[in-house]
Amino acid sequence: MSDKVTEVEQHGIAPIPPGEQTSRPRDLFRLAFGGANTFATIILGTLPIAYGLSFRAALAATVTGVVLGGLVLSPMALFGPLTRTNNAVSSGAHFGVVGRCVGSFLSLLTAITFFAISVWVSGDAVAGAAQRLFGFDGGAVLRGIAYGLIAIATLVVCIYGYRFMLLINRIAVVLGTAIMLAGVLAYGGSFDPGFAGTGSYALGTFWPTWILATLTVLANPISFGAFLGDWSRYIPARHSRRALLAAPFLAQLATLLPFGFGIATATLVADPGNYIAGLTAISPLWYAIPLIVVALLGGLSTGTTALYGTGLDFSSIFVRLSRVQATVLIGSLSVVFIFVGNFVLDMVSSINAFATLIVLCTSPWMVIMMIGFAQRRGFYDPDDLQVFNQGRKGGRYWFHRGVNWRAMAAWIPATTLGLLTANTPMIAGPLRGIAGGVDISLVVTLCTAALAYPLLTRLFPEPREVFGPAAAPDSSPALGYRVANDA
């Protein structure tokens, strides 16, 4: 791959040649933080206040969600350097090379949600800026034009690929951080840390609403689970696992900045449910323009990190589509969702519903992959992971017709039980009252996956060849990796 950011990336989901794995864990940090150091995260930060929580309760829910999410997310960085492909394809080692389509579905779900948030926020910021600076209210027409232009700009960056994304995120990290810190000067005199909330909780009482806020925040780090391999595949396997684990975790801790910005400023606007317009109205004029820059650049950063990975992945399922063609297709479908969600449905409620689905569907998938990684001791065969993508059959990870039923038999019940016990405004399962109205869906889905998959692999051992050529219990991950690449 060329190092020039202005040349279109040619790599799809085929293994990255080792000679072109030139990135480092700090590049992974930049991409993970840059993709989250944006208005999309700020919007998620405003939701605990919109749910009726006080500032301190909202902050506690946010810190809890970020830390827990970062811990669950971090191991997903380990696959890319070994498999040299994205995490959805890597999951074929555990779900089967056909069953890995589960990961592709999760990528699509996440991409639509966060691409929609980024374009929606950036478009509304442009419309709010026009009214604030020029007294011009363009209404739905102006917002529609802004959505379209921002969506096109995001698609262009995704088409150019990884290097261009890395450049955009480097800029987003520095500029976004500086402008958000400047918000202390802009709003510091008005902010009250003793803000007591609206007193009207989204789910009626405090604890169910606090858990809802935590799960909403948790969706942000969890959403990166399907995408970390898109970037970590460019990192050589020689880098330490500690560095690979630290990069995404520290990136998520750093997102406390945009989350905190959202929480604090949401206490200042008249209607947290109409946050963008409210924030633009109360901003000092000197800060309004930098705020718009953050919204635009941040929207571009979030949109590209979400859309790039899904286009990359779907080019492997629909083999007649190139990475560029698949990216354009998914981007176009996402734009339809943006317009329908904004002009026909309630966008905030739609995003809340999708965030819940991301958490409850993706987290058990991630747990199964992590357990599989430990069971295989880090052994993966990059060539056999590509069987389905190349239209072939067989290989180490074929299992039964390309599906490892053990992993599927753990993921499906885990996700189902999570949805049955969910208690959110738009997704309320029939078992939502099982814990007195407190949403225990995440605990249920994680525990089910963590117990079911090891039990099934114990009762019905997986084929010996998935553990490596020698299948020796004391084989090191490094040895298995070398054998797989030498095969």
Protein backbone atom coordinates (compact mmCIF):
# COMPACT_ATOMS: atom_id res chain seq x y z
CA MET A 1 0.00 0.00 0.00
CA SER A 2 1.27 3.48 -0.84
CA ASP A 3 2.04 5.85 1.99
CA LYS A 4 0.38 8.72 0.07
CA VAL A 5 -2.91 9.74 1.64
CA THR A 6 -4.23 10.97 -1.72
CA GLU A 7 -4.08 7.54 -3.36
CA VAL A 8 -7.08 5.24 -3.03
CA GLU A 9 -6.38 2.26 -0.78
CA GLN A 10 -6.41 -0.97 -2.76
CA HIS A 11 -6.52 -3.48 0.11
CA GLY A 12 -9.77 -5.19 0.98
CA ILE A 13 -10.12 -7.88 3.62
CA ALA A 14 -7.36 -10.11 2.21
CA PRO A 15 -4.45 -10.41 4.66
CA ILE A 16 -2.26 -7.31 4.70
CA PRO A 17 1.25 -8.24 3.48
CA PRO A 18 3.60 -8.25 6.49
CA GLY A 19 5.84 -5.70 4.77
CA GLU A 20 2.96 -3.22 4.74
CA GLN A 21 2.11 -3.57 8.42
CA THR A 22 3.79 -0.30 9.27
CA SER A 23 1.45 1.18 11.90
CA ARG A 24 2.00 1.25 15.65
CA PRO A 25 -0.27 0.98 18.70
CA ARG A 26 -0.25 4.76 19.04
CA ASP A 27 -1.83 4.96 15.56
CA LEU A 28 -4.57 2.71 16.89
CA PHE A 29 -5.01 5.11 19.81
CA ARG A 30 -5.31 8.06 17.42
CA LEU A 31 -7.94 6.34 15.30
CA ALA A 32 -9.98 5.06 18.25
CA PHE A 33 -9.83 8.39 20.09
CA GLY A 34 -10.18 10.51 16.96
CA GLY A 35 -13.26 8.56 15.97
CA ALA A 36 -14.81 9.24 19.39
CA ASN A 37 -13.48 12.73 20.19
CA THR A 38 -16.40 14.20 18.32
CA PHE A 39 -19.87 15.64 18.56
CA ALA A 40 -21.33 12.14 18.24
CA THR A 41 -19.83 11.31 21.64
CA ILE A 42 -20.86 14.71 22.97
CA ILE A 43 -24.45 13.90 21.97
CA LEU A 44 -24.28 10.58 23.82
CA GLY A 45 -22.97 12.55 26.80
CA THR A 46 -26.03 14.77 26.79
CA LEU A 47 -28.47 11.87 26.97
CA PRO A 48 -28.04 11.09 30.72
CA ILE A 49 -29.09 14.70 31.39
CA ALA A 50 -31.96 14.36 28.91
CA TYR A 51 -33.03 11.25 30.84
CA GLY A 52 -33.52 13.47 33.90
CA LEU A 53 -30.34 12.74 35.90
CA SER A 54 -28.41 15.30 37.93
CA PHE A 55 -24.93 16.33 36.79
CA ARG A 56 -23.18 14.16 39.38
CA ALA A 57 -25.35 11.11 38.66
CA ALA A 58 -24.84 11.58 34.91
CA LEU A 59 -21.08 11.86 35.40
CA ALA A 60 -20.99 8.70 37.54
CA ALA A 61 -22.98 6.77 34.93
CA THR A 62 -20.68 8.02 32.18
CA VAL A 63 -17.44 7.09 33.95
CA THR A 64 -18.86 3.65 34.75
CA GLY A 65 -19.92 3.07 31.15
CA VAL A 66 -16.61 4.26 29.68
CA VAL A 67 -14.42 2.17 32.01
CA LEU A 68 -16.47 -1.01 31.67
CA GLY A 69 -16.74 -0.55 27.93
CA GLY A 70 -13.01 0.09 27.58
CA LEU A 71 -12.20 -3.11 29.47
CA VAL A 72 -14.50 -5.17 27.26
CA LEU A 73 -13.24 -3.49 24.08
CA SER A 74 -9.47 -3.68 24.57
CA PRO A 75 -8.89 -7.40 23.74
CA MET A 76 -10.49 -6.86 20.32
CA ALA A 77 -7.25 -5.15 19.25
CA LEU A 78 -5.34 -8.45 19.49
CA PHE A 79 -6.83 -10.15 16.43
CA GLY A 80 -5.79 -7.84 13.59
CA PRO A 81 -1.99 -8.12 13.96
CA LEU A 82 -2.27 -11.94 13.94
CA THR A 83 -4.88 -12.45 11.23
CA ARG A 84 -3.92 -9.34 9.20
CA THR A 85 -7.60 -8.80 8.40
CA ASN A 86 -10.62 -7.19 10.06
CA ASN A 87 -12.40 -8.53 13.13
CA ALA A 88 -15.48 -9.77 11.30
CA VAL A 89 -13.35 -12.04 9.11
CA SER A 90 -11.20 -12.98 12.13
CA SER A 91 -14.34 -14.11 13.94
CA GLY A 92 -14.58 -16.91 11.37
CA ALA A 93 -12.03 -18.77 13.50
CA HIS A 94 -14.69 -19.04 16.21
CA PHE A 95 -18.04 -18.71 14.43
CA GLY A 96 -16.96 -20.47 11.23
CA VAL A 97 -16.02 -18.82 7.96
CA VAL A 98 -19.72 -18.54 7.03
CA GLY A 99 -20.92 -17.87 10.58
CA ARG A 100 -18.64 -14.85 10.69
CA CYS A 101 -21.45 -13.03 8.83
CA VAL A 102 -22.75 -12.34 12.36
CA GLY A 103 -19.84 -9.94 12.73
CA SER A 104 -20.70 -8.35 9.40
CA PHE A 105 -24.26 -7.74 10.59
CA LEU A 106 -22.94 -6.12 13.77
CA SER A 107 -20.62 -3.91 11.71
CA LEU A 108 -23.56 -2.79 9.59
CA LEU A 109 -25.69 -2.03 12.67
CA THR A 110 -22.92 0.05 14.21
CA ALA A 111 -22.00 1.84 10.99
CA ILE A 112 -25.55 2.96 10.30
CA THR A 113 -25.97 4.24 13.86
CA PHE A 114 -22.76 6.22 14.19
CA PHE A 115 -22.65 7.42 10.59
CA ALA A 116 -26.19 8.70 11.14
CA ILE A 117 -25.23 10.44 14.40
CA SER A 118 -22.19 12.11 12.82
CA VAL A 119 -24.02 13.40 9.75
CA TRP A 120 -27.09 14.42 11.76
CA VAL A 121 -25.05 16.38 14.32
CA SER A 122 -22.82 18.05 11.76
CA GLY A 123 -25.78 19.01 9.57
CA ASP A 124 -27.70 20.47 12.49
CA ALA A 125 -24.58 22.41 13.54
CA VAL A 126 -24.38 23.99 10.09
CA ALA A 127 -28.07 24.93 10.22
CA GLY A 128 -27.68 26.32 13.74
CA ALA A 129 -24.62 28.30 12.70
CA ALA A 130 -26.48 29.89 9.80
CA GLN A 131 -29.17 31.07 12.16
CA ARG A 132 -26.75 32.19 14.89
CA LEU A 133 -24.32 34.07 12.64
CA PHE A 134 -26.53 35.32 9.82
CA GLY A 135 -30.04 35.17 11.25
CA PHE A 136 -31.01 32.76 8.48
CA ASP A 137 -33.36 29.89 9.30
CA GLY A 138 -33.12 27.48 6.40
CA GLY A 139 -35.30 24.89 8.12
CA ALA A 140 -35.54 21.37 6.76
CA VAL A 141 -34.18 22.36 3.34
CA LEU A 142 -30.89 23.67 4.73
CA ARG A 143 -30.51 20.70 7.05
CA GLY A 144 -31.19 18.30 4.18
CA ILE A 145 -28.53 19.95 2.00
CA ALA A 146 -26.05 19.93 4.89
CA TYR A 147 -26.71 16.22 5.56
CA GLY A 148 -26.09 15.39 1.91
CA LEU A 149 -22.84 17.37 1.62
CA ILE A 150 -21.40 15.96 4.84
CA ALA A 151 -22.36 12.42 3.86
CA ILE A 152 -20.58 12.86 0.51
CA ALA A 153 -17.45 14.22 2.22
CA THR A 154 -17.43 11.23 4.57
CA LEU A 155 -17.77 8.81 1.67
CA VAL A 156 -14.84 10.44 -0.11
CA VAL A 157 -12.54 9.97 2.90
CA CYS A 158 -13.65 6.33 3.25
CA ILE A 159 -12.98 5.69 -0.43
CA TYR A 160 -9.44 6.98 -0.14
CA GLY A 161 -9.01 4.62 2.81
CA TYR A 162 -6.85 3.98 5.84
CA ARG A 163 -4.08 6.56 5.34
CA PHE A 164 -6.50 9.38 4.66
CA MET A 165 -8.52 8.36 7.72
CA LEU A 166 -5.38 8.41 9.84
CA LEU A 167 -4.64 11.95 8.69
CA ILE A 168 -8.17 13.16 9.42
CA ASN A 169 -8.09 11.61 12.88
CA ARG A 170 -4.72 13.15 13.71
CA ILE A 171 -6.22 16.56 12.98
CA ALA A 172 -9.46 15.74 14.81
CA VAL A 173 -7.69 14.64 17.98
CA VAL A 174 -5.65 17.84 18.33
CA LEU A 175 -8.17 20.39 17.09
CA GLY A 176 -11.19 18.81 18.78
CA THR A 177 -9.41 18.54 22.12
CA ALA A 178 -8.25 22.16 22.00
CA ILE A 179 -11.67 23.55 21.16
CA MET A 180 -13.46 21.47 23.78
CA LEU A 181 -11.00 22.63 26.43
CA ALA A 182 -11.69 26.19 25.32
CA GLY A 183 -15.29 25.47 26.28
CA VAL A 184 -14.22 25.99 29.90
CA LEU A 185 -13.81 29.69 29.08
CA ALA A 186 -16.98 29.84 27.02
CA TYR A 187 -19.34 28.21 29.52
CA GLY A 188 -17.43 28.14 32.81
CA GLY A 189 -19.26 31.12 34.26
CA SER A 190 -22.68 29.56 33.67
CA PHE A 191 -22.00 25.94 34.61
CA ASP A 192 -23.33 24.67 37.94
CA PRO A 193 -21.96 21.28 39.11
CA GLY A 194 -24.86 21.15 41.56
CA PHE A 195 -27.39 20.81 38.71
CA ALA A 196 -30.11 18.60 40.20
CA GLY A 197 -31.71 17.31 37.03
CA THR A 198 -35.24 17.73 35.78
CA GLY A 199 -36.80 15.46 38.38
CA SER A 200 -38.61 13.58 35.65
CA TYR A 201 -36.76 10.32 35.05
CA ALA A 202 -36.99 8.62 31.66
CA LEU A 203 -37.88 5.27 33.28
CA GLY A 204 -39.85 6.65 36.21
CA THR A 205 -37.32 6.15 39.03
CA PHE A 206 -33.63 6.82 39.59
CA TRP A 207 -31.85 3.46 39.36
CA PRO A 208 -33.49 2.15 36.19
CA THR A 209 -32.75 5.52 34.56
CA TRP A 210 -29.15 5.52 35.83
CA ILE A 211 -28.59 2.04 34.37
CA LEU A 212 -30.13 3.21 31.10
CA ALA A 213 -27.64 6.10 31.02
CA THR A 214 -24.74 3.74 31.72
CA LEU A 215 -25.79 1.40 28.90
CA THR A 216 -26.17 4.35 26.52
CA VAL A 217 -22.59 5.45 27.26
CA LEU A 218 -21.37 1.85 27.08
CA ALA A 219 -22.56 1.67 23.48
CA ASN A 220 -19.76 4.03 22.46
CA PRO A 221 -16.75 1.81 23.34
CA ILE A 222 -18.63 -1.39 22.47
CA SER A 223 -19.33 0.03 19.01
CA PHE A 224 -15.61 -0.09 18.21
CA GLY A 225 -15.43 -3.85 18.84
CA ALA A 226 -16.23 -4.83 15.28
CA PHE A 227 -13.90 -2.16 13.86
CA LEU A 228 -10.64 -2.34 15.84
CA GLY A 229 -9.29 -4.99 13.47
CA ASP A 230 -9.78 -2.60 10.53
CA TRP A 231 -6.91 -0.57 11.94
CA SER A 232 -4.93 -3.03 14.05
CA ARG A 233 -4.39 -5.25 10.96
CA TYR A 234 -1.78 -2.69 9.88
CA ILE A 235 0.18 -3.24 13.14
CA PRO A 236 2.89 -5.94 13.09
CA ALA A 237 2.39 -8.84 15.49
CA ARG A 238 5.78 -8.13 17.08
CA HIS A 239 4.29 -5.33 19.16
CA SER A 240 3.52 -6.33 22.73
CA ARG A 241 0.04 -7.37 23.70
CA ARG A 242 0.20 -4.91 26.57
CA ALA A 243 0.59 -2.02 24.12
CA LEU A 244 -2.21 -3.35 21.93
CA LEU A 245 -4.53 -3.65 24.93
CA ALA A 246 -3.57 -0.25 26.30
CA ALA A 247 -4.17 1.73 23.09
CA PRO A 248 -7.98 1.29 22.82
CA PHE A 249 -8.49 1.39 26.60
CA LEU A 250 -6.64 4.70 26.96
CA ALA A 251 -8.49 6.02 23.92
CA GLN A 252 -11.79 5.29 25.67
CA LEU A 253 -10.63 6.94 28.89
CA ALA A 254 -9.74 10.00 26.81
CA THR A 255 -13.33 10.15 25.58
CA LEU A 256 -14.31 11.36 29.03
CA LEU A 257 -13.41 14.78 27.57
CA PRO A 258 -16.19 14.87 24.93
CA PHE A 259 -18.55 13.00 27.24
CA GLY A 260 -17.87 15.52 29.99
CA PHE A 261 -18.37 18.40 27.56
CA GLY A 262 -21.74 16.97 26.62
CA ILE A 263 -22.86 16.41 30.21
CA ALA A 264 -21.79 19.87 31.37
CA THR A 265 -23.26 21.83 28.46
CA ALA A 266 -26.51 19.83 28.49
CA THR A 267 -27.21 21.29 31.91
CA LEU A 268 -27.12 24.77 30.33
CA VAL A 269 -29.48 24.39 27.39
CA ALA A 270 -33.21 24.84 27.82
CA ASP A 271 -34.10 21.52 26.18
CA PRO A 272 -31.43 18.75 26.23
CA GLY A 273 -33.55 16.91 23.67
CA ASN A 274 -32.85 19.75 21.21
CA TYR A 275 -29.22 20.08 22.19
CA ILE A 276 -27.55 21.38 19.01
CA ALA A 277 -29.90 24.33 18.55
CA GLY A 278 -29.78 25.11 22.27
CA LEU A 279 -25.99 25.04 22.47
CA THR A 280 -25.59 27.23 19.39
CA ALA A 281 -27.98 29.77 20.91
CA ILE A 282 -26.11 30.09 24.23
CA SER A 283 -22.58 30.04 22.81
CA PRO A 284 -20.56 33.27 22.85
CA LEU A 285 -20.07 34.52 19.31
CA TRP A 286 -16.28 34.02 19.49
CA TYR A 287 -16.84 30.34 20.34
CA ALA A 288 -19.63 29.62 17.86
CA ILE A 289 -17.36 29.25 14.83
CA PRO A 290 -14.81 26.90 16.52
CA LEU A 291 -17.77 24.87 17.78
CA ILE A 292 -18.99 24.44 14.21
CA VAL A 293 -15.49 23.33 13.16
CA VAL A 294 -15.56 20.64 15.87
CA ALA A 295 -18.98 19.50 14.70
CA LEU A 296 -17.92 19.26 11.05
CA LEU A 297 -14.47 17.74 11.55
CA GLY A 298 -15.69 15.47 14.32
CA GLY A 299 -18.62 14.30 12.24
CA LEU A 300 -16.24 13.46 9.44
CA SER A 301 -13.99 11.53 11.83
CA THR A 302 -16.79 9.48 13.41
CA GLY A 303 -18.52 8.83 10.12
CA THR A 304 -15.37 7.53 8.43
CA THR A 305 -14.37 5.20 11.27
CA ALA A 306 -17.84 3.61 11.20
CA LEU A 307 -18.42 3.50 7.45
CA TYR A 308 -14.93 2.42 6.36
CA GLY A 309 -15.03 -0.88 8.24
CA THR A 310 -18.47 -1.86 7.01
CA GLY A 311 -17.62 -1.15 3.40
CA LEU A 312 -14.46 -3.16 3.86
CA ASP A 313 -16.37 -6.09 5.32
CA PHE A 314 -19.29 -6.20 2.91
CA SER A 315 -16.91 -6.34 -0.02
CA SER A 316 -15.98 -9.79 1.29
CA ILE A 317 -19.59 -11.02 1.52
CA PHE A 318 -20.69 -9.66 -1.83
CA VAL A 319 -17.53 -10.63 -3.66
CA ARG A 320 -18.51 -8.84 -6.86
CA LEU A 321 -18.27 -5.55 -5.02
CA SER A 322 -14.93 -3.85 -4.47
CA ARG A 323 -14.19 -2.10 -1.17
CA VAL A 324 -15.07 1.22 -2.81
CA GLN A 325 -18.35 -0.04 -4.29
CA ALA A 326 -19.42 -1.65 -1.01
CA THR A 327 -18.59 1.56 0.86
CA VAL A 328 -20.76 3.62 -1.49
CA LEU A 329 -23.63 1.14 -1.19
CA ILE A 330 -23.63 1.06 2.63
CA GLY A 331 -23.15 4.82 2.77
CA SER A 332 -26.16 5.37 0.52
CA LEU A 333 -28.36 3.11 2.67
CA SER A 334 -27.19 4.97 5.77
CA VAL A 335 -28.13 8.31 4.22
CA VAL A 336 -31.67 7.00 3.68
CA PHE A 337 -31.82 6.09 7.38
CA ILE A 338 -30.61 9.60 8.32
CA PHE A 339 -33.38 11.32 6.36
CA VAL A 340 -36.10 8.95 7.53
CA GLY A 341 -34.89 9.06 11.14
CA ASN A 342 -34.69 12.85 11.19
CA PHE A 343 -37.68 13.92 9.14
CA VAL A 344 -40.12 11.03 9.72
CA LEU A 345 -39.17 9.44 13.08
CA ASP A 346 -37.66 10.72 16.34
CA MET A 347 -33.90 10.69 15.72
CA VAL A 348 -32.92 10.60 19.41
CA SER A 349 -35.23 7.65 20.13
CA SER A 350 -34.00 5.86 17.01
CA ILE A 351 -30.38 6.27 18.10
CA ASN A 352 -31.22 5.06 21.61
CA ALA A 353 -32.80 1.92 20.16
CA PHE A 354 -29.83 1.23 17.89
CA ALA A 355 -27.38 1.86 20.75
CA THR A 356 -29.20 -0.75 22.83
CA LEU A 357 -29.04 -3.26 19.99
CA ILE A 358 -25.31 -2.59 19.53
CA VAL A 359 -24.57 -3.32 23.19
CA LEU A 360 -26.74 -6.43 23.49
CA CYS A 361 -25.75 -7.98 20.16
CA THR A 362 -22.07 -7.04 19.99
CA SER A 363 -20.91 -7.61 23.59
CA PRO A 364 -21.64 -11.40 23.66
CA TRP A 365 -20.01 -11.73 20.22
CA MET A 366 -16.91 -10.03 21.63
CA VAL A 367 -16.90 -12.27 24.73
CA ILE A 368 -17.02 -15.40 22.58
CA MET A 369 -14.11 -14.16 20.48
CA MET A 370 -12.05 -13.35 23.57
CA ILE A 371 -12.68 -16.76 25.10
CA GLY A 372 -11.80 -18.34 21.75
CA PHE A 373 -8.58 -16.35 21.61
CA ALA A 374 -7.59 -17.70 25.02
CA GLN A 375 -8.57 -21.28 24.10
CA ARG A 376 -6.57 -21.13 20.85
CA ARG A 377 -3.66 -19.41 22.61
CA GLY A 378 -3.55 -16.79 19.90
CA PHE A 379 -3.20 -19.24 17.00
CA TYR A 380 -4.84 -18.19 13.72
CA ASP A 381 -4.38 -19.27 10.13
CA PRO A 382 -4.84 -16.15 7.97
CA ASP A 383 -5.23 -18.16 4.76
CA ASP A 384 -8.00 -20.45 6.04
CA LEU A 385 -9.91 -17.44 7.37
CA GLN A 386 -10.30 -16.29 3.75
CA VAL A 387 -12.06 -19.45 2.49
CA PHE A 388 -15.58 -17.99 2.31
CA ASN A 389 -14.37 -14.68 0.87
CA GLN A 390 -12.66 -16.55 -1.95
CA GLY A 391 -15.66 -18.74 -2.77
CA ARG A 392 -14.00 -21.93 -1.49
CA LYS A 393 -14.99 -24.57 1.06
CA GLY A 394 -13.03 -26.44 3.71
CA GLY A 395 -10.06 -25.42 5.80
CA ARG A 396 -9.52 -25.33 9.55
CA TYR A 397 -12.53 -23.15 10.22
CA TRP A 398 -15.16 -24.85 8.06
CA PHE A 399 -16.75 -26.70 11.03
CA HIS A 400 -20.27 -27.72 9.85
CA ARG A 401 -21.12 -26.11 6.51
CA GLY A 402 -19.00 -23.14 7.45
CA VAL A 403 -20.66 -22.53 10.83
CA ASN A 404 -19.37 -23.36 14.31
CA TRP A 405 -22.67 -24.20 15.99
CA ARG A 406 -21.07 -24.01 19.46
CA ALA A 407 -20.41 -20.28 19.12
CA MET A 408 -23.81 -19.66 17.52
CA ALA A 409 -25.52 -21.67 20.27
CA ALA A 410 -23.90 -19.35 22.81
CA TRP A 411 -24.42 -16.04 20.96
CA ILE A 412 -28.09 -16.47 20.01
CA PRO A 413 -29.39 -17.24 23.55
CA ALA A 414 -27.14 -14.56 25.05
CA THR A 415 -28.49 -11.91 22.70
CA THR A 416 -32.06 -13.13 23.05
CA LEU A 417 -31.99 -13.10 26.85
CA GLY A 418 -30.45 -9.64 26.77
CA LEU A 419 -33.27 -8.31 24.62
CA LEU A 420 -35.90 -10.04 26.77
CA THR A 421 -34.61 -8.34 29.93
CA ALA A 422 -33.90 -4.93 28.34
CA ASN A 423 -35.70 -1.93 29.80
CA THR A 424 -35.29 1.15 27.61
CA PRO A 425 -37.82 3.64 26.23
CA MET A 426 -37.97 1.93 22.81
CA ILE A 427 -36.80 -1.63 23.58
CA ALA A 428 -38.64 -3.07 26.57
CA GLY A 429 -38.52 -6.86 26.87
CA PRO A 430 -41.23 -8.94 28.57
CA LEU A 431 -38.78 -9.78 31.40
CA ARG A 432 -37.82 -6.14 32.04
CA GLY A 433 -39.37 -6.17 35.50
CA ILE A 434 -37.43 -9.18 36.71
CA ALA A 435 -35.08 -6.99 38.79
CA GLY A 436 -37.56 -4.38 39.93
CA GLY A 437 -37.32 -2.34 36.73
CA VAL A 438 -33.50 -2.15 36.76
CA ASP A 439 -32.08 -3.08 33.36
CA ILE A 440 -29.92 -6.17 33.86
CA SER A 441 -29.76 -7.00 30.16
CA LEU A 442 -26.01 -6.41 29.83
CA VAL A 443 -25.17 -8.61 32.82
CA VAL A 444 -27.48 -11.33 31.48
CA THR A 445 -26.06 -11.28 27.95
CA LEU A 446 -22.41 -11.24 29.07
CA CYS A 447 -22.84 -13.99 31.66
CA THR A 448 -24.79 -16.20 29.27
CA ALA A 449 -22.10 -15.98 26.58
CA ALA A 450 -19.27 -16.37 29.09
CA LEU A 451 -20.80 -19.54 30.54
CA ALA A 452 -22.37 -21.13 27.48
CA TYR A 453 -19.45 -21.04 25.03
CA PRO A 454 -16.80 -22.66 27.28
CA LEU A 455 -19.37 -25.23 28.43
CA LEU A 456 -20.28 -26.16 24.85
CA THR A 457 -16.65 -26.43 23.75
CA ARG A 458 -15.98 -28.59 26.80
CA LEU A 459 -18.88 -30.95 26.09
CA PHE A 460 -18.39 -30.90 22.33
CA PRO A 461 -14.68 -30.23 21.65
CA GLU A 462 -13.84 -28.24 18.55
CA PRO A 463 -11.77 -29.89 15.79
CA ARG A 464 -8.15 -30.41 16.73
CA GLU A 465 -6.81 -28.53 13.72
CA VAL A 466 -8.20 -25.15 14.86
CA PHE A 467 -5.63 -25.17 17.65
CA GLY A 468 -2.70 -25.30 15.24
CA PRO A 469 -0.75 -27.92 13.30
CA ALA A 470 0.69 -29.53 16.41
CA ALA A 471 -2.34 -28.83 18.65
CA ALA A 472 0.03 -29.00 21.61
CA PRO A 473 -1.36 -27.57 24.84
CA ASP A 474 1.93 -25.83 25.59
CA SER A 475 2.34 -24.29 22.13
CA SER A 476 2.97 -20.58 22.38
CA PRO A 477 0.84 -18.09 20.41
CA ALA A 478 3.97 -16.83 18.67
CA LEU A 479 4.90 -20.35 17.49
CA GLY A 480 1.39 -20.99 16.21
CA TYR A 481 1.41 -17.70 14.34
CA ARG A 482 4.68 -18.47 12.59
CA VAL A 483 3.57 -21.97 11.59
CA ALA A 484 0.32 -20.62 10.13
CA ASN A 485 2.16 -18.10 8.01
CA ASP A 486 4.75 -20.59 6.86
CA ALA A 487 2.10 -23.06 5.76
